[in-house]
PDB file of N, CA and C in Angstrom:
ATOM      1  N   MET A   1     -97.500 -42.755  83.616  1.00  0.00           N
ATOM      2  CA  MET A   1     -96.677 -43.555  84.482  1.00  0.00           C
ATOM      3  C   MET A   1     -95.296 -42.945  84.640  1.00  0.00           C
ATOM      4  N   ALA A   2     -94.747 -42.418  83.560  1.00  0.00           N
ATOM      5  CA  ALA A   2     -93.418 -41.829  83.623  1.00  0.00           C
ATOM      6  C   ALA A   2     -93.412 -40.612  84.524  1.00  0.00           C
ATOM      7  N   SER A   3     -94.509 -39.856  84.525  1.00  0.00           N
ATOM      8  CA  SER A   3     -94.551 -38.668  85.370  1.00  0.00           C
ATOM      9  C   SER A   3     -94.622 -39.031  86.847  1.00  0.00           C
ATOM     10  N   GLN A   4     -95.130 -40.204  87.169  1.00  0.00           N
ATOM     11  CA  GLN A   4     -95.205 -40.624  88.565  1.00  0.00           C
ATOM     12  C   GLN A   4     -93.839 -41.032  89.104  1.00  0.00           C
ATOM     13  N   ASN A   5     -92.929 -41.502  88.264  1.00  0.00           N
ATOM     14  CA  ASN A   5     -91.607 -41.949  88.699  1.00  0.00           C
ATOM     15  C   ASN A   5     -90.603 -40.807  88.773  1.00  0.00           C
ATOM     16  N   ARG A   6     -90.968 -39.674  88.261  1.00  0.00           N
ATOM     17  CA  ARG A   6     -90.048 -38.538  88.236  1.00  0.00           C
ATOM     18  C   ARG A   6     -89.665 -38.154  89.664  1.00  0.00           C
ATOM     19  N   GLY A   7     -88.341 -38.033  89.922  1.00  0.00           N
ATOM     20  CA  GLY A   7     -87.858 -37.611  91.227  1.00  0.00           C
ATOM     21  C   GLY A   7     -87.716 -38.744  92.215  1.00  0.00           C
ATOM     22  N   LYS A   8     -88.174 -39.949  91.853  1.00  0.00           N
ATOM     23  CA  LYS A   8     -88.036 -41.090  92.753  1.00  0.00           C
ATOM     24  C   LYS A   8     -86.749 -41.832  92.438  1.00  0.00           C
ATOM     25  N   SER A   9     -86.240 -42.525  93.422  1.00  0.00           N
ATOM     26  CA  SER A   9     -85.014 -43.290  93.248  1.00  0.00           C
ATOM     27  C   SER A   9     -85.274 -44.513  92.389  1.00  0.00           C
ATOM     28  N   ASN A  10     -84.363 -44.798  91.488  1.00  0.00           N
ATOM     29  CA  ASN A  10     -84.444 -45.993  90.656  1.00  0.00           C
ATOM     30  C   ASN A  10     -83.477 -47.037  91.203  1.00  0.00           C
ATOM     31  N   GLY A  11     -83.784 -47.615  92.317  1.00  0.00           N
ATOM     32  CA  GLY A  11     -82.914 -48.634  92.885  1.00  0.00           C
ATOM     33  C   GLY A  11     -81.641 -48.028  93.421  1.00  0.00           C
ATOM     34  N   ASN A  12     -80.542 -48.393  92.794  1.00  0.00           N
ATOM     35  CA  ASN A  12     -79.232 -47.945  93.256  1.00  0.00           C
ATOM     36  C   ASN A  12     -78.701 -46.767  92.446  1.00  0.00           C
ATOM     37  N   LYS A  13     -79.501 -46.220  91.539  1.00  0.00           N
ATOM     38  CA  LYS A  13     -79.028 -45.140  90.672  1.00  0.00           C
ATOM     39  C   LYS A  13     -79.665 -43.821  91.052  1.00  0.00           C
ATOM     40  N   SER A  14     -78.906 -42.752  90.849  1.00  0.00           N
ATOM     41  CA  SER A  14     -79.444 -41.410  91.000  1.00  0.00           C
ATOM     42  C   SER A  14     -80.298 -41.131  89.774  1.00  0.00           C
ATOM     43  N   SER A  15     -81.483 -40.576  89.959  1.00  0.00           N
ATOM     44  CA  SER A  15     -82.405 -40.380  88.837  1.00  0.00           C
ATOM     45  C   SER A  15     -81.927 -39.317  87.863  1.00  0.00           C
ATOM     46  N   LYS A  16     -81.112 -38.380  88.283  1.00  0.00           N
ATOM     47  CA  LYS A  16     -80.730 -37.265  87.409  1.00  0.00           C
ATOM     48  C   LYS A  16     -79.554 -37.605  86.502  1.00  0.00           C
ATOM     49  N   CYS A  17     -78.496 -38.206  87.026  1.00  0.00           N
ATOM     50  CA  CYS A  17     -77.299 -38.379  86.205  1.00  0.00           C
ATOM     51  C   CYS A  17     -76.938 -39.834  85.959  1.00  0.00           C
ATOM     52  N   GLY A  18     -77.649 -40.768  86.546  1.00  0.00           N
ATOM     53  CA  GLY A  18     -77.392 -42.171  86.281  1.00  0.00           C
ATOM     54  C   GLY A  18     -76.212 -42.751  87.039  1.00  0.00           C
ATOM     55  N   LEU A  19     -75.636 -42.033  87.988  1.00  0.00           N
ATOM     56  CA  LEU A  19     -74.529 -42.571  88.777  1.00  0.00           C
ATOM     57  C   LEU A  19     -75.058 -43.479  89.872  1.00  0.00           C
ATOM     58  N   HIS A  20     -74.317 -44.479  90.186  1.00  0.00           N
ATOM     59  CA  HIS A  20     -74.674 -45.362  91.290  1.00  0.00           C
ATOM     60  C   HIS A  20     -74.310 -44.677  92.606  1.00  0.00           C
ATOM     61  N   TYR A  21     -75.141 -44.855  93.608  1.00  0.00           N
ATOM     62  CA  TYR A  21     -74.881 -44.236  94.906  1.00  0.00           C
ATOM     63  C   TYR A  21     -73.578 -44.739  95.518  1.00  0.00           C
ATOM     64  N   LYS A  22     -73.247 -46.020  95.281  1.00  0.00           N
ATOM     65  CA  LYS A  22     -71.988 -46.532  95.830  1.00  0.00           C
ATOM     66  C   LYS A  22     -70.796 -45.836  95.170  1.00  0.00           C
ATOM     67  N   ASP A  23     -70.924 -45.480  93.885  1.00  0.00           N
ATOM     68  CA  ASP A  23     -69.852 -44.730  93.219  1.00  0.00           C
ATOM     69  C   ASP A  23     -69.719 -43.342  93.828  1.00  0.00           C
ATOM     70  N   ILE A  24     -70.863 -42.698  94.037  1.00  0.00           N
ATOM     71  CA  ILE A  24     -70.853 -41.366  94.650  1.00  0.00           C
ATOM     72  C   ILE A  24     -70.262 -41.452  96.048  1.00  0.00           C
ATOM     73  N   HIS A  25     -70.690 -42.460  96.797  1.00  0.00           N
ATOM     74  CA  HIS A  25     -70.173 -42.643  98.160  1.00  0.00           C
ATOM     75  C   HIS A  25     -68.658 -42.856  98.136  1.00  0.00           C
ATOM     76  N   GLY A  26     -68.169 -43.627  97.159  1.00  0.00           N
ATOM     77  CA  GLY A  26     -66.723 -43.847  97.028  1.00  0.00           C
ATOM     78  C   GLY A  26     -65.989 -42.550  96.753  1.00  0.00           C
ATOM     79  N   HIS A  27     -66.560 -41.719  95.882  1.00  0.00           N
ATOM     80  CA  HIS A  27     -65.942 -40.422  95.580  1.00  0.00           C
ATOM     81  C   HIS A  27     -65.938 -39.526  96.815  1.00  0.00           C
ATOM     82  N   VAL A  28     -67.040 -39.534  97.547  1.00  0.00           N
ATOM     83  CA  VAL A  28     -67.128 -38.715  98.759  1.00  0.00           C
ATOM     84  C   VAL A  28     -66.089 -39.174  99.773  1.00  0.00           C
ATOM     85  N   ARG A  29     -65.943 -40.493  99.940  1.00  0.00           N
ATOM     86  CA  ARG A  29     -64.928 -41.010 100.877  1.00  0.00           C
ATOM     87  C   ARG A  29     -63.531 -40.562 100.470  1.00  0.00           C
ATOM     88  N   ARG A  30     -63.241 -40.613  99.164  1.00  0.00           N
ATOM     89  CA  ARG A  30     -61.916 -40.181  98.701  1.00  0.00           C
ATOM     90  C   ARG A  30     -61.710 -38.687  98.937  1.00  0.00           C
ATOM     91  N   ILE A  31     -62.747 -37.895  98.702  1.00  0.00           N
ATOM     92  CA  ILE A  31     -62.659 -36.448  98.940  1.00  0.00           C
ATOM     93  C   ILE A  31     -62.414 -36.171 100.416  1.00  0.00           C
ATOM     94  N   VAL A  32     -63.137 -36.869 101.290  1.00  0.00           N
ATOM     95  CA  VAL A  32     -62.953 -36.687 102.737  1.00  0.00           C
ATOM     96  C   VAL A  32     -61.534 -37.069 103.133  1.00  0.00           C
ATOM     97  N   LYS A  33     -61.023 -38.176 102.590  1.00  0.00           N
ATOM     98  CA  LYS A  33     -59.654 -38.622 102.890  1.00  0.00           C
ATOM     99  C   LYS A  33     -58.645 -37.585 102.404  1.00  0.00           C
ATOM    100  N   LEU A  34     -58.852 -37.055 101.198  1.00  0.00           N
ATOM    101  CA  LEU A  34     -57.947 -36.035 100.668  1.00  0.00           C
ATOM    102  C   LEU A  34     -57.975 -34.771 101.524  1.00  0.00           C
ATOM    103  N   MET A  35     -59.171 -34.381 101.971  1.00  0.00           N
ATOM    104  CA  MET A  35     -59.271 -33.195 102.831  1.00  0.00           C
ATOM    105  C   MET A  35     -58.547 -33.434 104.149  1.00  0.00           C
ATOM    106  N   SER A  36     -58.657 -34.641 104.676  1.00  0.00           N
ATOM    107  CA  SER A  36     -57.945 -34.993 105.906  1.00  0.00           C
ATOM    108  C   SER A  36     -56.436 -34.923 105.681  1.00  0.00           C
ATOM    109  N   ASN A  37     -55.983 -35.454 104.546  1.00  0.00           N
ATOM    110  CA  ASN A  37     -54.552 -35.400 104.217  1.00  0.00           C
ATOM    111  C   ASN A  37     -54.073 -33.962 104.059  1.00  0.00           C
ATOM    112  N   ILE A  38     -54.895 -33.117 103.469  1.00  0.00           N
ATOM    113  CA  ILE A  38     -54.544 -31.701 103.312  1.00  0.00           C
ATOM    114  C   ILE A  38     -54.377 -31.050 104.677  1.00  0.00           C
ATOM    115  N   GLU A  39     -55.283 -31.344 105.607  1.00  0.00           N
ATOM    116  CA  GLU A  39     -55.180 -30.776 106.961  1.00  0.00           C
ATOM    117  C   GLU A  39     -53.913 -31.258 107.656  1.00  0.00           C
ATOM    118  N   ILE A  40     -53.567 -32.534 107.470  1.00  0.00           N
ATOM    119  CA  ILE A  40     -52.330 -33.070 108.055  1.00  0.00           C
ATOM    120  C   ILE A  40     -51.130 -32.343 107.464  1.00  0.00           C
ATOM    121  N   LEU A  41     -51.127 -32.141 106.149  1.00  0.00           N
ATOM    122  CA  LEU A  41     -50.019 -31.435 105.500  1.00  0.00           C
ATOM    123  C   LEU A  41     -49.922 -29.993 105.982  1.00  0.00           C
ATOM    124  N   ARG A  42     -51.067 -29.335 106.149  1.00  0.00           N
ATOM    125  CA  ARG A  42     -51.053 -27.961 106.667  1.00  0.00           C
ATOM    126  C   ARG A  42     -50.450 -27.923 108.065  1.00  0.00           C
ATOM    127  N   SER A  43     -50.850 -28.873 108.891  1.00  0.00           N
ATOM    128  CA  SER A  43     -50.329 -28.949 110.252  1.00  0.00           C
ATOM    129  C   SER A  43     -48.822 -29.185 110.232  1.00  0.00           C
ATOM    130  N   ASN A  44     -48.383 -30.105 109.362  1.00  0.00           N
ATOM    131  CA  ASN A  44     -46.946 -30.378 109.245  1.00  0.00           C
ATOM    132  C   ASN A  44     -46.189 -29.144 108.777  1.00  0.00           C
ATOM    133  N   CYS A  45     -46.766 -28.409 107.824  1.00  0.00           N
ATOM    134  CA  CYS A  45     -46.115 -27.188 107.334  1.00  0.00           C
ATOM    135  C   CYS A  45     -45.989 -26.151 108.444  1.00  0.00           C
ATOM    136  N   LYS A  46     -47.032 -26.044 109.281  1.00  0.00           N
ATOM    137  CA  LYS A  46     -46.970 -25.100 110.398  1.00  0.00           C
ATOM    138  C   LYS A  46     -45.866 -25.492 111.363  1.00  0.00           C
ATOM    139  N   MET A  47     -45.736 -26.807 111.634  1.00  0.00           N
ATOM    140  CA  MET A  47     -44.678 -27.268 112.538  1.00  0.00           C
ATOM    141  C   MET A  47     -43.302 -27.029 111.924  1.00  0.00           C
ATOM    142  N   ILE A  48     -43.174 -27.301 110.627  1.00  0.00           N
ATOM    143  CA  ILE A  48     -41.898 -27.075 109.944  1.00  0.00           C
ATOM    144  C   ILE A  48     -41.555 -25.596 109.963  1.00  0.00           C
ATOM    145  N   ASN A  49     -42.545 -24.741 109.714  1.00  0.00           N
ATOM    146  CA  ASN A  49     -42.323 -23.303 109.732  1.00  0.00           C
ATOM    147  C   ASN A  49     -41.888 -22.844 111.120  1.00  0.00           C
ATOM    148  N   ALA A  50     -42.558 -23.357 112.156  1.00  0.00           N
ATOM    149  CA  ALA A  50     -42.193 -22.995 113.529  1.00  0.00           C
ATOM    150  C   ALA A  50     -40.777 -23.465 113.840  1.00  0.00           C
ATOM    151  N   LYS A  51     -40.431 -24.681 113.408  1.00  0.00           N
ATOM    152  CA  LYS A  51     -39.083 -25.211 113.639  1.00  0.00           C
ATOM    153  C   LYS A  51     -38.065 -24.378 112.874  1.00  0.00           C
ATOM    154  N   SER A  52     -38.408 -23.967 111.661  1.00  0.00           N
ATOM    155  CA  SER A  52     -37.518 -23.141 110.854  1.00  0.00           C
ATOM    156  C   SER A  52     -37.267 -21.797 111.540  1.00  0.00           C
ATOM    157  N   ILE A  53     -38.323 -21.199 112.070  1.00  0.00           N
ATOM    158  CA  ILE A  53     -38.178 -19.926 112.790  1.00  0.00           C
ATOM    159  C   ILE A  53     -37.316 -20.125 114.028  1.00  0.00           C
ATOM    160  N   GLN A  54     -37.551 -21.233 114.737  1.00  0.00           N
ATOM    161  CA  GLN A  54     -36.763 -21.538 115.937  1.00  0.00           C
ATOM    162  C   GLN A  54     -35.287 -21.708 115.569  1.00  0.00           C
ATOM    163  N   ASN A  55     -35.009 -22.431 114.484  1.00  0.00           N
ATOM    164  CA  ASN A  55     -33.626 -22.625 114.044  1.00  0.00           C
ATOM    165  C   ASN A  55     -33.002 -21.316 113.583  1.00  0.00           C
ATOM    166  N   ALA A  56     -33.772 -20.480 112.906  1.00  0.00           N
ATOM    167  CA  ALA A  56     -33.256 -19.180 112.473  1.00  0.00           C
ATOM    168  C   ALA A  56     -32.912 -18.315 113.680  1.00  0.00           C
ATOM    169  N   THR A  57     -33.738 -18.388 114.720  1.00  0.00           N
ATOM    170  CA  THR A  57     -33.468 -17.634 115.947  1.00  0.00           C
ATOM    171  C   THR A  57     -32.195 -18.142 116.611  1.00  0.00           C
ATOM    172  N   LYS A  58     -32.040 -19.467 116.677  1.00  0.00           N
ATOM    173  CA  LYS A  58     -30.821 -20.050 117.261  1.00  0.00           C
ATOM    174  C   LYS A  58     -29.591 -19.623 116.471  1.00  0.00           C
ATOM    175  N   LEU A  59     -29.693 -19.650 115.142  1.00  0.00           N
ATOM    176  CA  LEU A  59     -28.572 -19.238 114.294  1.00  0.00           C
ATOM    177  C   LEU A  59     -28.234 -17.773 114.531  1.00  0.00           C
ATOM    178  N   HIS A  60     -29.259 -16.927 114.592  1.00  0.00           N
ATOM    179  CA  HIS A  60     -29.034 -15.502 114.835  1.00  0.00           C
ATOM    180  C   HIS A  60     -28.358 -15.281 116.186  1.00  0.00           C
ATOM    181  N   ASN A  61     -28.827 -15.990 117.218  1.00  0.00           N
ATOM    182  CA  ASN A  61     -28.227 -15.861 118.545  1.00  0.00           C
ATOM    183  C   ASN A  61     -26.776 -16.315 118.541  1.00  0.00           C
ATOM    184  N   ALA A  62     -26.485 -17.418 117.843  1.00  0.00           N
ATOM    185  CA  ALA A  62     -25.109 -17.914 117.762  1.00  0.00           C
ATOM    186  C   ALA A  62     -24.218 -16.920 117.024  1.00  0.00           C
ATOM    187  N   GLU A  63     -24.729 -16.359 115.931  1.00  0.00           N
ATOM    188  CA  GLU A  63     -23.945 -15.370 115.183  1.00  0.00           C
ATOM    189  C   GLU A  63     -23.708 -14.120 116.022  1.00  0.00           C
ATOM    190  N   SER A  64     -24.690 -13.724 116.806  1.00  0.00           N
ATOM    191  CA  SER A  64     -24.534 -12.562 117.691  1.00  0.00           C
ATOM    192  C   SER A  64     -23.469 -12.827 118.746  1.00  0.00           C
ATOM    193  N   LYS A  65     -23.468 -14.041 119.309  1.00  0.00           N
ATOM    194  CA  LYS A  65     -22.452 -14.401 120.304  1.00  0.00           C
ATOM    195  C   LYS A  65     -21.059 -14.396 119.692  1.00  0.00           C
ATOM    196  N   ILE A  66     -20.946 -14.923 118.476  1.00  0.00           N
ATOM    197  CA  ILE A  66     -19.648 -14.928 117.789  1.00  0.00           C
ATOM    198  C   ILE A  66     -19.175 -13.501 117.551  1.00  0.00           C
ATOM    199  N   ALA A  67     -20.062 -12.644 117.074  1.00  0.00           N
ATOM    200  CA  ALA A  67     -19.701 -11.244 116.824  1.00  0.00           C
ATOM    201  C   ALA A  67     -19.298 -10.559 118.124  1.00  0.00           C
ATOM    202  N   ASP A  68     -20.016 -10.849 119.214  1.00  0.00           N
ATOM    203  CA  ASP A  68     -19.686 -10.266 120.517  1.00  0.00           C
ATOM    204  C   ASP A  68     -18.308 -10.733 120.982  1.00  0.00           C
ATOM    205  N   GLU A  69     -18.017 -12.028 120.827  1.00  0.00           N
ATOM    206  CA  GLU A  69     -16.702 -12.561 121.210  1.00  0.00           C
ATOM    207  C   GLU A  69     -15.593 -11.937 120.362  1.00  0.00           C
ATOM    208  N   LYS A  70     -15.841 -11.721 119.078  1.00  0.00           N
ATOM    209  CA  LYS A  70     -14.845 -11.074 118.216  1.00  0.00           C
ATOM    210  C   LYS A  70     -14.575  -9.648 118.682  1.00  0.00           C
ATOM    211  N   ARG A  71     -15.651  -8.916 119.050  1.00  0.00           N
ATOM    212  CA  ARG A  71     -15.465  -7.550 119.550  1.00  0.00           C
ATOM    213  C   ARG A  71     -14.651  -7.546 120.842  1.00  0.00           C
ATOM    214  N   LYS A  72     -14.963  -8.471 121.743  1.00  0.00           N
ATOM    215  CA  LYS A  72     -14.216  -8.569 123.003  1.00  0.00           C
ATOM    216  C   LYS A  72     -12.751  -8.890 122.734  1.00  0.00           C
ATOM    217  N   TYR A  73     -12.510  -9.821 121.832  1.00  0.00           N
ATOM    218  CA  TYR A  73     -11.142 -10.210 121.495  1.00  0.00           C
ATOM    219  C   TYR A  73     -10.387  -9.034 120.884  1.00  0.00           C
ATOM    220  N   ASN A  74     -11.007  -8.350 119.926  1.00  0.00           N
ATOM    221  CA  ASN A  74     -10.356  -7.203 119.288  1.00  0.00           C
ATOM    222  C   ASN A  74     -10.083  -6.095 120.294  1.00  0.00           C
ATOM    223  N   SER A  75     -11.011  -5.882 121.223  1.00  0.00           N
ATOM    224  CA  SER A  75     -10.810  -4.880 122.266  1.00  0.00           C
ATOM    225  C   SER A  75      -9.648  -5.279 123.170  1.00  0.00           C
ATOM    226  N   PHE A  76      -9.589  -6.546 123.544  1.00  0.00           N
ATOM    227  CA  PHE A  76      -8.503  -7.064 124.386  1.00  0.00           C
ATOM    228  C   PHE A  76      -7.149  -6.873 123.695  1.00  0.00           C
ATOM    229  N   ILE A  77      -7.080  -7.227 122.412  1.00  0.00           N
ATOM    230  CA  ILE A  77      -5.837  -7.076 121.649  1.00  0.00           C
ATOM    231  C   ILE A  77      -5.449  -5.604 121.560  1.00  0.00           C
ATOM    232  N   ALA A  78      -6.403  -4.743 121.277  1.00  0.00           N
ATOM    233  CA  ALA A  78      -6.116  -3.312 121.149  1.00  0.00           C
ATOM    234  C   ALA A  78      -5.586  -2.751 122.465  1.00  0.00           C
ATOM    235  N   LYS A  79      -6.154  -3.134 123.601  1.00  0.00           N
ATOM    236  CA  LYS A  79      -5.677  -2.653 124.903  1.00  0.00           C
ATOM    237  C   LYS A  79      -4.251  -3.105 125.164  1.00  0.00           C
ATOM    238  N   HIS A  80      -3.952  -4.365 124.868  1.00  0.00           N
ATOM    239  CA  HIS A  80      -2.599  -4.875 125.111  1.00  0.00           C
ATOM    240  C   HIS A  80      -1.585  -4.274 124.149  1.00  0.00           C
ATOM    241  N   GLU A  81      -1.988  -3.987 122.933  1.00  0.00           N
ATOM    242  CA  GLU A  81      -1.078  -3.324 121.994  1.00  0.00           C
ATOM    243  C   GLU A  81      -0.747  -1.923 122.490  1.00  0.00           C
ATOM    244  N   CYS A  82      -1.754  -1.232 123.051  1.00  0.00           N
ATOM    245  CA  CYS A  82      -1.515   0.105 123.603  1.00  0.00           C
ATOM    246  C   CYS A  82      -0.540   0.034 124.774  1.00  0.00           C
ATOM    247  N   LYS A  83      -0.692  -0.967 125.624  1.00  0.00           N
ATOM    248  CA  LYS A  83       0.202  -1.132 126.776  1.00  0.00           C
ATOM    249  C   LYS A  83       1.626  -1.420 126.322  1.00  0.00           C
ATOM    250  N   LEU A  84       1.753  -2.228 125.277  1.00  0.00           N
ATOM    251  CA  LEU A  84       3.085  -2.570 124.780  1.00  0.00           C
ATOM    252  C   LEU A  84       3.772  -1.361 124.143  1.00  0.00           C
ATOM    253  N   ARG A  85       3.036  -0.474 123.544  1.00  0.00           N
ATOM    254  CA  ARG A  85       3.608   0.714 122.909  1.00  0.00           C
ATOM    255  C   ARG A  85       4.060   1.735 123.942  1.00  0.00           C
ATOM    256  N   SER A  86       3.399   1.769 125.079  1.00  0.00           N
ATOM    257  CA  SER A  86       3.754   2.796 126.056  1.00  0.00           C
ATOM    258  C   SER A  86       4.846   2.375 126.987  1.00  0.00           C
TER     259      SER A  86
END
Protein backbone atom coordinates (compact mmCIF):
# COMPACT_ATOMS: atom_id res chain seq x y z
CA MET A 1 0.00 0.00 0.00
CA ALA A 2 2.81 2.40 0.82
CA SER A 3 4.38 1.83 -2.58
CA GLN A 4 1.12 2.80 -4.28
CA ASN A 5 1.02 6.21 -2.54
CA ARG A 6 4.57 7.09 -3.46
CA GLY A 7 4.69 10.26 -5.60
CA LYS A 8 1.02 11.08 -5.04
CA SER A 9 -0.16 14.21 -3.31
CA ASN A 10 -1.14 13.87 0.34
CA GLY A 11 -3.90 16.44 0.45
CA ASN A 12 -2.38 19.85 0.98
CA LYS A 13 1.19 18.66 1.62
CA SER A 14 4.09 18.08 -0.73
CA SER A 15 5.03 14.39 -0.51
CA LYS A 16 8.79 15.00 -0.47
CA CYS A 17 9.40 17.67 2.16
CA GLY A 18 6.13 17.97 4.06
CA LEU A 19 5.55 21.65 3.22
CA HIS A 20 2.03 22.86 2.65
CA TYR A 21 1.33 24.12 -0.86
CA LYS A 22 -0.16 27.33 0.54
CA ASP A 23 3.16 27.96 2.34
CA ILE A 24 5.08 27.36 -0.87
CA HIS A 25 2.65 29.59 -2.75
CA GLY A 26 3.16 32.32 -0.12
CA HIS A 27 6.93 32.08 -0.52
CA VAL A 28 6.62 32.22 -4.30
CA ARG A 29 4.40 35.32 -4.06
CA ARG A 30 6.96 37.02 -1.81
CA ILE A 31 9.80 36.10 -4.19
CA VAL A 32 7.84 37.48 -7.16
CA LYS A 33 7.11 40.70 -5.21
CA LEU A 34 10.79 41.04 -4.26
CA MET A 35 11.85 40.51 -7.88
CA SER A 36 9.37 43.18 -8.93
CA ASN A 37 10.78 45.55 -6.30
CA ILE A 38 14.31 44.82 -7.52
CA GLU A 39 13.30 45.73 -11.08
CA ILE A 40 11.73 48.97 -9.83
CA LEU A 41 14.92 49.80 -7.93
CA ARG A 42 17.04 49.05 -11.00
CA SER A 43 14.85 51.32 -13.08
CA ASN A 44 15.09 54.07 -10.45
CA CYS A 45 18.88 53.70 -10.34
CA LYS A 46 19.04 54.04 -14.13
CA MET A 47 16.95 57.22 -13.95
CA ILE A 48 19.08 58.59 -11.11
CA ASN A 49 22.24 57.77 -13.05
CA ALA A 50 20.87 59.48 -16.16
CA LYS A 51 19.87 62.53 -14.09
CA SER A 52 23.32 62.55 -12.47
CA ILE A 53 24.99 62.49 -15.90
CA GLN A 54 22.66 65.26 -17.08
CA ASN A 55 23.51 67.37 -14.01
CA ALA A 56 27.23 66.70 -14.45
CA THR A 57 26.95 67.86 -18.07
CA LYS A 58 25.11 71.02 -16.99
CA LEU A 59 27.78 71.70 -14.35
CA HIS A 60 30.57 71.16 -16.88
CA ASN A 61 28.87 73.51 -19.37
CA ALA A 62 28.40 76.17 -16.67
CA GLU A 63 32.04 75.88 -15.59
CA SER A 64 33.14 76.16 -19.23
CA LYS A 65 31.05 79.32 -19.66
CA ILE A 66 32.55 80.81 -16.50
CA ALA A 67 36.08 80.01 -17.68
CA ASP A 68 35.29 81.51 -21.10
CA GLU A 69 33.93 84.70 -19.49
CA LYS A 70 37.06 84.95 -17.31
CA ARG A 71 39.27 84.63 -20.40
CA LYS A 72 37.26 87.33 -22.19
CA TYR A 73 37.45 89.60 -19.16
CA ASN A 74 41.20 89.08 -18.74
CA SER A 75 41.72 89.73 -22.45
CA PHE A 76 39.63 92.92 -22.24
CA ILE A 77 41.62 94.14 -19.21
CA ALA A 78 44.94 93.32 -20.88
CA LYS A 79 43.98 95.27 -24.04
CA HIS A 80 42.92 98.33 -22.06
CA GLU A 81 46.06 98.22 -19.92
CA CYS A 82 48.13 98.19 -23.12
CA LYS A 83 46.20 101.21 -24.43
CA LEU A 84 46.72 103.08 -21.17
CA ARG A 85 50.48 102.44 -21.25
CA SER A 86 50.90 103.72 -24.77
